[in-house]
C-alpha atoms as a PDB file:
ATOM      1  CA  MET A   1     140.719   5.657   7.994  1.00  0.00           C
ATOM      2  CA  GLY A   2     142.115   4.020   4.924  1.00  0.00           C
ATOM      3  CA  LEU A   3     144.971   2.014   3.531  1.00  0.00           C
ATOM      4  CA  ASP A   4     148.545   2.800   4.484  1.00  0.00           C
ATOM      5  CA  LEU A   5     151.098   1.127   2.269  1.00  0.00           C
ATOM      6  CA  HIS A   6     154.699   0.969   3.477  1.00  0.00           C
ATOM      7  CA  PHE A   7     157.863   0.001   1.596  1.00  0.00           C
ATOM      8  CA  SER A   8     160.996  -0.631   3.669  1.00  0.00           C
ATOM      9  CA  GLU A   9     164.603  -1.455   2.920  1.00  0.00           C
ATOM     10  CA  HIS A  10     166.923  -2.566   5.718  1.00  0.00           C
ATOM     11  CA  ASP A  11     164.308  -1.576   8.320  1.00  0.00           C
ATOM     12  CA  VAL A  12     164.106   1.967   6.922  1.00  0.00           C
ATOM     13  CA  GLU A  13     160.832   3.149   5.437  1.00  0.00           C
ATOM     14  CA  VAL A  14     161.474   4.383   1.900  1.00  0.00           C
ATOM     15  CA  PHE A  15     157.854   4.946   0.855  1.00  0.00           C
ATOM     16  CA  HIS A  16     154.538   5.528   2.553  1.00  0.00           C
ATOM     17  CA  GLY A  17     151.308   5.963   0.642  1.00  0.00           C
ATOM     18  CA  HIS A  18     147.795   6.495   1.942  1.00  0.00           C
ATOM     19  CA  THR A  19     144.422   6.208   0.269  1.00  0.00           C
ATOM     20  CA  THR A  20     140.860   6.130   1.499  1.00  0.00           C
ATOM     21  CA  HIS A  21     138.849   2.934   1.749  1.00  0.00           C
ATOM     22  CA  ASN A  22     136.275   4.714  -0.440  1.00  0.00           C
ATOM     23  CA  VAL A  23     138.284   3.625  -3.492  1.00  0.00           C
ATOM     24  CA  VAL A  24     137.925  -0.090  -2.695  1.00  0.00           C
ATOM     25  CA  PRO A  25     135.211  -0.590  -5.361  1.00  0.00           C
ATOM     26  CA  MET A  26     137.553   0.893  -7.984  1.00  0.00           C
ATOM     27  CA  ALA A  27     140.498  -1.128  -6.702  1.00  0.00           C
ATOM     28  CA  LYS A  28     138.491  -4.330  -6.957  1.00  0.00           C
ATOM     29  CA  GLU A  29     137.192  -3.433 -10.421  1.00  0.00           C
ATOM     30  CA  ALA A  30     140.746  -2.697 -11.633  1.00  0.00           C
ATOM     31  CA  GLY A  31     142.156  -5.895 -10.109  1.00  0.00           C
ATOM     32  CA  ALA A  32     144.387  -4.130  -7.593  1.00  0.00           C
ATOM     33  CA  TYR A  33     142.546  -4.650  -4.307  1.00  0.00           C
ATOM     34  CA  HIS A  34     144.310  -7.784  -3.089  1.00  0.00           C
ATOM     35  CA  LEU A  35     147.678  -6.518  -4.310  1.00  0.00           C
ATOM     36  CA  LEU A  36     147.481  -3.429  -2.117  1.00  0.00           C
ATOM     37  CA  TRP A  37     145.059  -4.111   0.731  1.00  0.00           C
ATOM     38  CA  ARG A  38     146.091  -7.737   1.283  1.00  0.00           C
ATOM     39  CA  PRO A  39     149.585  -8.224  -0.198  1.00  0.00           C
ATOM     40  CA  ASP A  40     150.384 -10.955   2.320  1.00  0.00           C
ATOM     41  CA  GLU A  41     147.537 -13.072   0.933  1.00  0.00           C
ATOM     42  CA  VAL A  42     148.553 -12.807  -2.753  1.00  0.00           C
ATOM     43  CA  PRO A  43     151.552 -13.082  -1.741  1.00  0.00           C
ATOM     44  CA  ILE A  44     153.414  -9.883  -2.507  1.00  0.00           C
ATOM     45  CA  THR A  45     156.664  -9.591  -0.569  1.00  0.00           C
ATOM     46  CA  THR A  46     158.636  -7.011  -2.556  1.00  0.00           C
ATOM     47  CA  ALA A  47     157.589  -3.738  -4.122  1.00  0.00           C
ATOM     48  CA  GLY A  48     158.903  -4.794  -7.526  1.00  0.00           C
ATOM     49  CA  GLN A  49     156.203  -7.467  -7.671  1.00  0.00           C
ATOM     50  CA  LEU A  50     153.604  -4.673  -7.705  1.00  0.00           C
ATOM     51  CA  THR A  51     154.916  -2.700 -10.674  1.00  0.00           C
ATOM     52  CA  ASP A  52     153.469  -4.596 -13.631  1.00  0.00           C
ATOM     53  CA  PRO A  53     150.098  -5.458 -12.049  1.00  0.00           C
ATOM     54  CA  LEU A  54     149.581  -1.830 -11.014  1.00  0.00           C
ATOM     55  CA  LEU A  55     150.442  -0.581 -14.488  1.00  0.00           C
ATOM     56  CA  VAL A  56     147.886  -3.042 -15.868  1.00  0.00           C
ATOM     57  CA  ALA A  57     145.273  -1.802 -13.361  1.00  0.00           C
ATOM     58  CA  ARG A  58     145.958   1.783 -14.392  1.00  0.00           C
ATOM     59  CA  ALA A  59     145.643   0.853 -18.080  1.00  0.00           C
ATOM     60  CA  VAL A  60     142.313  -0.873 -17.397  1.00  0.00           C
ATOM     61  CA  MET A  61     141.055   2.317 -15.787  1.00  0.00           C
ATOM     62  CA  GLN A  62     142.312   4.509 -18.626  1.00  0.00           C
ATOM     63  CA  HIS A  63     140.660   2.228 -21.189  1.00  0.00           C
ATOM     64  CA  ASP A  64     137.190   2.606 -19.654  1.00  0.00           C
ATOM     65  CA  PRO A  65     137.096   5.759 -17.489  1.00  0.00           C
ATOM     66  CA  ALA A  66     133.287   5.958 -17.388  1.00  0.00           C
ATOM     67  CA  ARG A  67     133.082   2.538 -15.741  1.00  0.00           C
ATOM     68  CA  PHE A  68     135.299   3.763 -12.908  1.00  0.00           C
ATOM     69  CA  ALA A  69     133.790   7.246 -12.659  1.00  0.00           C
ATOM     70  CA  ALA A  70     130.519   5.533 -11.777  1.00  0.00           C
ATOM     71  CA  ARG A  71     132.295   4.280  -8.631  1.00  0.00           C
ATOM     72  CA  ASN A  72     133.355   7.711  -7.360  1.00  0.00           C
ATOM     73  CA  ALA A  73     132.542   8.058  -3.681  1.00  0.00           C
ATOM     74  CA  PRO A  74     129.308  10.038  -3.220  1.00  0.00           C
ATOM     75  CA  ASN A  75     130.973  12.230  -0.579  1.00  0.00           C
ATOM     76  CA  GLY A  76     133.782  13.205  -2.982  1.00  0.00           C
ATOM     77  CA  ALA A  77     136.501  11.504  -0.916  1.00  0.00           C
ATOM     78  CA  GLY A  78     137.660   8.781  -3.262  1.00  0.00           C
ATOM     79  CA  THR A  79     137.463   9.700  -6.918  1.00  0.00           C
ATOM     80  CA  VAL A  80     138.951   8.189 -10.056  1.00  0.00           C
ATOM     81  CA  SER A  81     141.474  11.011 -10.016  1.00  0.00           C
ATOM     82  CA  ASP A  82     142.470  10.233  -6.406  1.00  0.00           C
ATOM     83  CA  TRP A  83     142.780   6.522  -7.137  1.00  0.00           C
ATOM     84  CA  THR A  84     144.813   6.900 -10.342  1.00  0.00           C
ATOM     85  CA  ALA A  85     147.165   9.344  -8.599  1.00  0.00           C
ATOM     86  CA  PHE A  86     147.686   6.811  -5.800  1.00  0.00           C
ATOM     87  CA  LEU A  87     148.295   4.012  -8.337  1.00  0.00           C
ATOM     88  CA  HIS A  88     150.828   6.196 -10.128  1.00  0.00           C
ATOM     89  CA  CYS A  89     152.715   6.984  -6.905  1.00  0.00           C
ATOM     90  CA  VAL A  90     152.813   3.356  -5.786  1.00  0.00           C
ATOM     91  CA  ALA A  91     153.899   2.110  -9.224  1.00  0.00           C
ATOM     92  CA  GLU A  92     156.638   4.758  -9.342  1.00  0.00           C
ATOM     93  CA  ALA A  93     157.827   3.846  -5.834  1.00  0.00           C
ATOM     94  CA  SER A  94     157.788   0.147  -6.694  1.00  0.00           C
ATOM     95  CA  THR A  95     160.064   0.900  -9.646  1.00  0.00           C
ATOM     96  CA  THR A  96     162.378   3.039  -7.521  1.00  0.00           C
ATOM     97  CA  TRP A  97     162.629   0.518  -4.658  1.00  0.00           C
ATOM     98  CA  PRO A  98     161.872  -2.888  -6.210  1.00  0.00           C
ATOM     99  CA  ALA A  99     163.591  -4.836  -3.414  1.00  0.00           C
ATOM    100  CA  ALA A 100     161.697  -3.040  -0.637  1.00  0.00           C
ATOM    101  CA  THR A 101     159.468  -5.149   1.579  1.00  0.00           C
ATOM    102  CA  VAL A 102     155.753  -4.350   1.412  1.00  0.00           C
ATOM    103  CA  ARG A 103     153.450  -3.910   4.388  1.00  0.00           C
ATOM    104  CA  ALA A 104     149.832  -2.785   4.334  1.00  0.00           C
ATOM    105  CA  THR A 105     147.881  -1.488   7.301  1.00  0.00           C
ATOM    106  CA  ARG A 106     144.170  -1.055   6.975  1.00  0.00           C
END
């Protein structure tokens, strides 16, 4: 169970990322939850719209790592390291395929 984020261009999937729901508290704290889990509600329609907000979220986390470490999942599945790696991958993909459509399944 978790979030699956899909980027597509011309009906071809160009990126797929997965993260556990255990990082939701960190995502909310960093301001990235609605961008990724509910892009249709923000609304986010293209991957390029995610780039800057995700870089900001990552910077927020890097500025105060202890605040986010306190939200590590007790079972070890969903750590700051996991979440920042996911943010990095999504931000990189959004830069590579800025025109791609965004779809989230949760």
